[in-house]
Amino acid sequence: MKTGYIDTSFLLSIIFKDENYNASVEHWNNTEFKYSSILLEIESRINLFKYCIKSRANEALYTEKQLELNNLLSSINLKLIDNEINLEIKNNDALKRARSLDSIHLATAHIINKLDTEKILLCSYDKEMSTVGRELGMNILSKG
């Protein structure tokens, strides 16, 4: 059973077919259980809007990418931000070193990692998140 925590950088790699696209799709397909924070949906929708509408004024692309995002999100278990996340950050100094939203993602991933019998794979292309995730005992996505 392979479990992954999906970060925004990873999901957007698939949506926008960037230089990490092939590796991202391979990891996506090989991950049986996918988790993230509700932040993933929020951040992804904002980035889609900025890319498709604000910078390109392309409504058709926006509609297409929203459908693709909805499809991908339907495969991910999204955890709400709650007091459990707050306590995880409060009680773990490593989580305080990352940027605020990244700390929330990492706290969520850390909670899931503690519940799983195998280390989860932190699916992120953010170097700081990967560094903290490794310190917290997660497997880290490698860029090929």
C-alpha atoms as a PDB file:
ATOM      1  CA  MET A   1       0.000   0.000   0.000  1.00  0.00           C
ATOM      2  CA  LYS A   2       1.618   3.258  -1.124  1.00  0.00           C
ATOM      3  CA  THR A   3       0.350   6.447   0.489  1.00  0.00           C
ATOM      4  CA  GLY A   4       1.166   9.935  -0.746  1.00  0.00           C
ATOM      5  CA  TYR A   5       0.602  13.447   0.507  1.00  0.00           C
ATOM      6  CA  ILE A   6      -0.154  15.669  -2.471  1.00  0.00           C
ATOM      7  CA  ASP A   7       1.206  19.218  -2.343  1.00  0.00           C
ATOM      8  CA  THR A   8       0.095  22.027  -4.630  1.00  0.00           C
ATOM      9  CA  SER A   9       3.395  22.129  -6.550  1.00  0.00           C
ATOM     10  CA  PHE A  10       2.962  18.459  -7.423  1.00  0.00           C
ATOM     11  CA  LEU A  11      -0.694  18.737  -8.473  1.00  0.00           C
ATOM     12  CA  LEU A  12      -0.035  21.839 -10.570  1.00  0.00           C
ATOM     13  CA  SER A  13       2.805  19.967 -12.279  1.00  0.00           C
ATOM     14  CA  ILE A  14       0.172  17.596 -13.619  1.00  0.00           C
ATOM     15  CA  ILE A  15      -2.372  20.294 -14.441  1.00  0.00           C
ATOM     16  CA  PHE A  16       0.104  22.536 -16.286  1.00  0.00           C
ATOM     17  CA  LYS A  17       2.224  19.703 -17.747  1.00  0.00           C
ATOM     18  CA  ASP A  18       5.492  21.293 -16.599  1.00  0.00           C
ATOM     19  CA  GLU A  19       9.017  19.815 -16.670  1.00  0.00           C
ATOM     20  CA  ASN A  20       8.099  17.408 -13.839  1.00  0.00           C
ATOM     21  CA  TYR A  21       4.918  16.195 -15.544  1.00  0.00           C
ATOM     22  CA  ASN A  22       6.051  12.660 -16.482  1.00  0.00           C
ATOM     23  CA  ALA A  23       7.512  11.943 -13.040  1.00  0.00           C
ATOM     24  CA  SER A  24       4.435  13.415 -11.378  1.00  0.00           C
ATOM     25  CA  VAL A  25       2.033  11.269 -13.392  1.00  0.00           C
ATOM     26  CA  GLU A  26       4.121   8.170 -12.668  1.00  0.00           C
ATOM     27  CA  HIS A  27       4.048   8.855  -8.909  1.00  0.00           C
ATOM     28  CA  TRP A  28       0.343   9.698  -9.085  1.00  0.00           C
ATOM     29  CA  ASN A  29      -0.426   6.399 -10.803  1.00  0.00           C
ATOM     30  CA  ASN A  30       1.694   4.422  -8.331  1.00  0.00           C
ATOM     31  CA  THR A  31       0.139   5.985  -5.223  1.00  0.00           C
ATOM     32  CA  GLU A  32      -2.839   4.031  -3.960  1.00  0.00           C
ATOM     33  CA  PHE A  33      -3.972   6.415  -1.211  1.00  0.00           C
ATOM     34  CA  LYS A  34      -3.715  10.157  -1.768  1.00  0.00           C
ATOM     35  CA  TYR A  35      -4.132  12.729   1.000  1.00  0.00           C
ATOM     36  CA  SER A  36      -3.818  16.468   1.328  1.00  0.00           C
ATOM     37  CA  SER A  37      -5.151  19.475   3.154  1.00  0.00           C
ATOM     38  CA  ILE A  38      -8.159  21.434   1.921  1.00  0.00           C
ATOM     39  CA  LEU A  39      -5.511  24.069   1.181  1.00  0.00           C
ATOM     40  CA  LEU A  40      -4.624  22.055  -1.910  1.00  0.00           C
ATOM     41  CA  GLU A  41      -7.972  22.794  -3.500  1.00  0.00           C
ATOM     42  CA  ILE A  42      -7.893  26.473  -2.530  1.00  0.00           C
ATOM     43  CA  GLU A  43      -4.326  27.068  -3.724  1.00  0.00           C
ATOM     44  CA  SER A  44      -4.894  25.152  -6.958  1.00  0.00           C
ATOM     45  CA  ARG A  45      -8.054  27.074  -7.849  1.00  0.00           C
ATOM     46  CA  ILE A  46      -6.315  30.399  -7.216  1.00  0.00           C
ATOM     47  CA  ASN A  47      -3.332  29.388  -9.346  1.00  0.00           C
ATOM     48  CA  LEU A  48      -5.593  28.225 -12.176  1.00  0.00           C
ATOM     49  CA  PHE A  49      -7.399  31.546 -12.177  1.00  0.00           C
ATOM     50  CA  LYS A  50      -4.172  33.546 -12.150  1.00  0.00           C
ATOM     51  CA  TYR A  51      -2.643  31.492 -14.949  1.00  0.00           C
ATOM     52  CA  CYS A  52      -5.651  31.101 -17.244  1.00  0.00           C
ATOM     53  CA  ILE A  53      -7.650  34.279 -16.672  1.00  0.00           C
ATOM     54  CA  LYS A  54      -5.420  36.943 -15.186  1.00  0.00           C
ATOM     55  CA  SER A  55      -2.297  36.306 -17.267  1.00  0.00           C
ATOM     56  CA  ARG A  56      -3.782  34.771 -20.435  1.00  0.00           C
ATOM     57  CA  ALA A  57      -7.453  35.848 -20.481  1.00  0.00           C
ATOM     58  CA  ASN A  58      -8.318  32.379 -21.763  1.00  0.00           C
ATOM     59  CA  GLU A  59     -11.759  31.284 -20.532  1.00  0.00           C
ATOM     60  CA  ALA A  60     -11.741  28.055 -22.567  1.00  0.00           C
ATOM     61  CA  LEU A  61      -8.434  26.961 -21.047  1.00  0.00           C
ATOM     62  CA  TYR A  62      -9.732  27.884 -17.599  1.00  0.00           C
ATOM     63  CA  THR A  63     -12.837  25.725 -18.065  1.00  0.00           C
ATOM     64  CA  GLU A  64     -10.748  22.811 -19.349  1.00  0.00           C
ATOM     65  CA  LYS A  65      -8.252  23.027 -16.485  1.00  0.00           C
ATOM     66  CA  GLN A  66     -11.016  23.351 -13.864  1.00  0.00           C
ATOM     67  CA  LEU A  67     -12.526  20.082 -15.090  1.00  0.00           C
ATOM     68  CA  GLU A  68      -9.117  18.428 -14.961  1.00  0.00           C
ATOM     69  CA  LEU A  69      -8.545  19.778 -11.440  1.00  0.00           C
ATOM     70  CA  ASN A  70     -11.949  18.550 -10.257  1.00  0.00           C
ATOM     71  CA  ASN A  71     -11.171  15.090 -11.608  1.00  0.00           C
ATOM     72  CA  LEU A  72      -7.805  14.932  -9.828  1.00  0.00           C
ATOM     73  CA  LEU A  73      -9.222  16.326  -6.577  1.00  0.00           C
ATOM     74  CA  SER A  74     -11.885  13.622  -6.557  1.00  0.00           C
ATOM     75  CA  SER A  75      -9.071  11.077  -6.034  1.00  0.00           C
ATOM     76  CA  ILE A  76      -7.611  12.861  -2.995  1.00  0.00           C
ATOM     77  CA  ASN A  77      -8.809  12.668   0.612  1.00  0.00           C
ATOM     78  CA  LEU A  78      -8.772  16.306   1.766  1.00  0.00           C
ATOM     79  CA  LYS A  79      -8.384  17.017   5.477  1.00  0.00           C
ATOM     80  CA  LEU A  80      -9.973  20.118   6.926  1.00  0.00           C
ATOM     81  CA  ILE A  81      -7.780  22.520   8.844  1.00  0.00           C
ATOM     82  CA  ASP A  82      -8.731  21.965  12.454  1.00  0.00           C
ATOM     83  CA  ASN A  83      -7.413  22.042  15.990  1.00  0.00           C
ATOM     84  CA  GLU A  84      -5.431  18.835  15.383  1.00  0.00           C
ATOM     85  CA  ILE A  85      -3.376  20.687  12.748  1.00  0.00           C
ATOM     86  CA  ASN A  86      -2.961  23.662  15.082  1.00  0.00           C
ATOM     87  CA  LEU A  87      -1.713  21.429  17.915  1.00  0.00           C
ATOM     88  CA  GLU A  88       0.692  19.610  15.586  1.00  0.00           C
ATOM     89  CA  ILE A  89       2.300  22.932  14.621  1.00  0.00           C
ATOM     90  CA  LYS A  90       2.233  24.195  18.217  1.00  0.00           C
ATOM     91  CA  ASN A  91       4.041  21.078  19.471  1.00  0.00           C
ATOM     92  CA  ASN A  92       6.609  20.621  16.695  1.00  0.00           C
ATOM     93  CA  ASP A  93       9.284  23.264  16.104  1.00  0.00           C
ATOM     94  CA  ALA A  94      10.283  21.799  12.726  1.00  0.00           C
ATOM     95  CA  LEU A  95       6.832  22.729  11.427  1.00  0.00           C
ATOM     96  CA  LYS A  96       7.317  26.352  12.483  1.00  0.00           C
ATOM     97  CA  ARG A  97      10.314  26.831  10.164  1.00  0.00           C
ATOM     98  CA  ALA A  98       8.341  26.559   6.914  1.00  0.00           C
ATOM     99  CA  ARG A  99       6.125  29.251   5.410  1.00  0.00           C
ATOM    100  CA  SER A 100       2.687  29.383   7.033  1.00  0.00           C
ATOM    101  CA  LEU A 101       0.642  27.514   4.426  1.00  0.00           C
ATOM    102  CA  ASP A 102       3.462  25.010   3.909  1.00  0.00           C
ATOM    103  CA  SER A 103       3.464  24.411   7.680  1.00  0.00           C
ATOM    104  CA  ILE A 104      -0.222  23.544   7.505  1.00  0.00           C
ATOM    105  CA  HIS A 105       0.448  21.116   4.637  1.00  0.00           C
ATOM    106  CA  LEU A 106       3.383  19.580   6.502  1.00  0.00           C
ATOM    107  CA  ALA A 107       1.421  19.250   9.749  1.00  0.00           C
ATOM    108  CA  THR A 108      -1.342  17.467   7.856  1.00  0.00           C
ATOM    109  CA  ALA A 109       1.173  15.166   6.164  1.00  0.00           C
ATOM    110  CA  HIS A 110       2.898  14.491   9.492  1.00  0.00           C
ATOM    111  CA  ILE A 111      -0.380  13.469  11.129  1.00  0.00           C
ATOM    112  CA  ILE A 112      -1.122  11.080   8.272  1.00  0.00           C
ATOM    113  CA  ASN A 113       2.449   9.770   8.355  1.00  0.00           C
ATOM    114  CA  LYS A 114       2.110   8.908  12.049  1.00  0.00           C
ATOM    115  CA  LEU A 115      -1.076   6.937  11.341  1.00  0.00           C
ATOM    116  CA  ASP A 116       0.345   4.868   8.477  1.00  0.00           C
ATOM    117  CA  THR A 117       2.453   1.748   9.016  1.00  0.00           C
ATOM    118  CA  GLU A 118       4.761   2.764   6.131  1.00  0.00           C
ATOM    119  CA  LYS A 119       6.296   6.176   5.587  1.00  0.00           C
ATOM    120  CA  ILE A 120       4.181   8.299   3.296  1.00  0.00           C
ATOM    121  CA  LEU A 121       5.616   9.884   0.171  1.00  0.00           C
ATOM    122  CA  LEU A 122       5.606  13.677   0.343  1.00  0.00           C
ATOM    123  CA  CYS A 123       4.736  14.615  -3.249  1.00  0.00           C
ATOM    124  CA  SER A 124       6.119  18.141  -3.415  1.00  0.00           C
ATOM    125  CA  TYR A 125       8.622  20.037  -5.543  1.00  0.00           C
ATOM    126  CA  ASP A 126       9.139  22.649  -2.835  1.00  0.00           C
ATOM    127  CA  LYS A 127      12.687  22.276  -1.453  1.00  0.00           C
ATOM    128  CA  GLU A 128      11.891  23.696   1.982  1.00  0.00           C
ATOM    129  CA  MET A 129       8.883  21.421   2.393  1.00  0.00           C
ATOM    130  CA  SER A 130      10.980  18.442   1.317  1.00  0.00           C
ATOM    131  CA  THR A 131      13.695  19.297   3.835  1.00  0.00           C
ATOM    132  CA  VAL A 132      11.238  19.550   6.720  1.00  0.00           C
ATOM    133  CA  GLY A 133       9.320  16.495   5.526  1.00  0.00           C
ATOM    134  CA  ARG A 134      12.517  14.425   5.533  1.00  0.00           C
ATOM    135  CA  GLU A 135      13.236  15.592   9.099  1.00  0.00           C
ATOM    136  CA  LEU A 136       9.730  14.480  10.069  1.00  0.00           C
ATOM    137  CA  GLY A 137      10.374  10.971   8.731  1.00  0.00           C
ATOM    138  CA  MET A 138       8.575  11.088   5.390  1.00  0.00           C
ATOM    139  CA  ASN A 139       9.787   9.690   2.099  1.00  0.00           C
ATOM    140  CA  ILE A 140      10.593  12.524  -0.284  1.00  0.00           C
ATOM    141  CA  LEU A 141       9.798  12.761  -3.977  1.00  0.00           C
ATOM    142  CA  SER A 142      12.932  12.703  -6.093  1.00  0.00           C
ATOM    143  CA  LYS A 143      13.094  14.579  -9.375  1.00  0.00           C
ATOM    144  CA  GLY A 144      14.226  11.670 -11.512  1.00  0.00           C
END
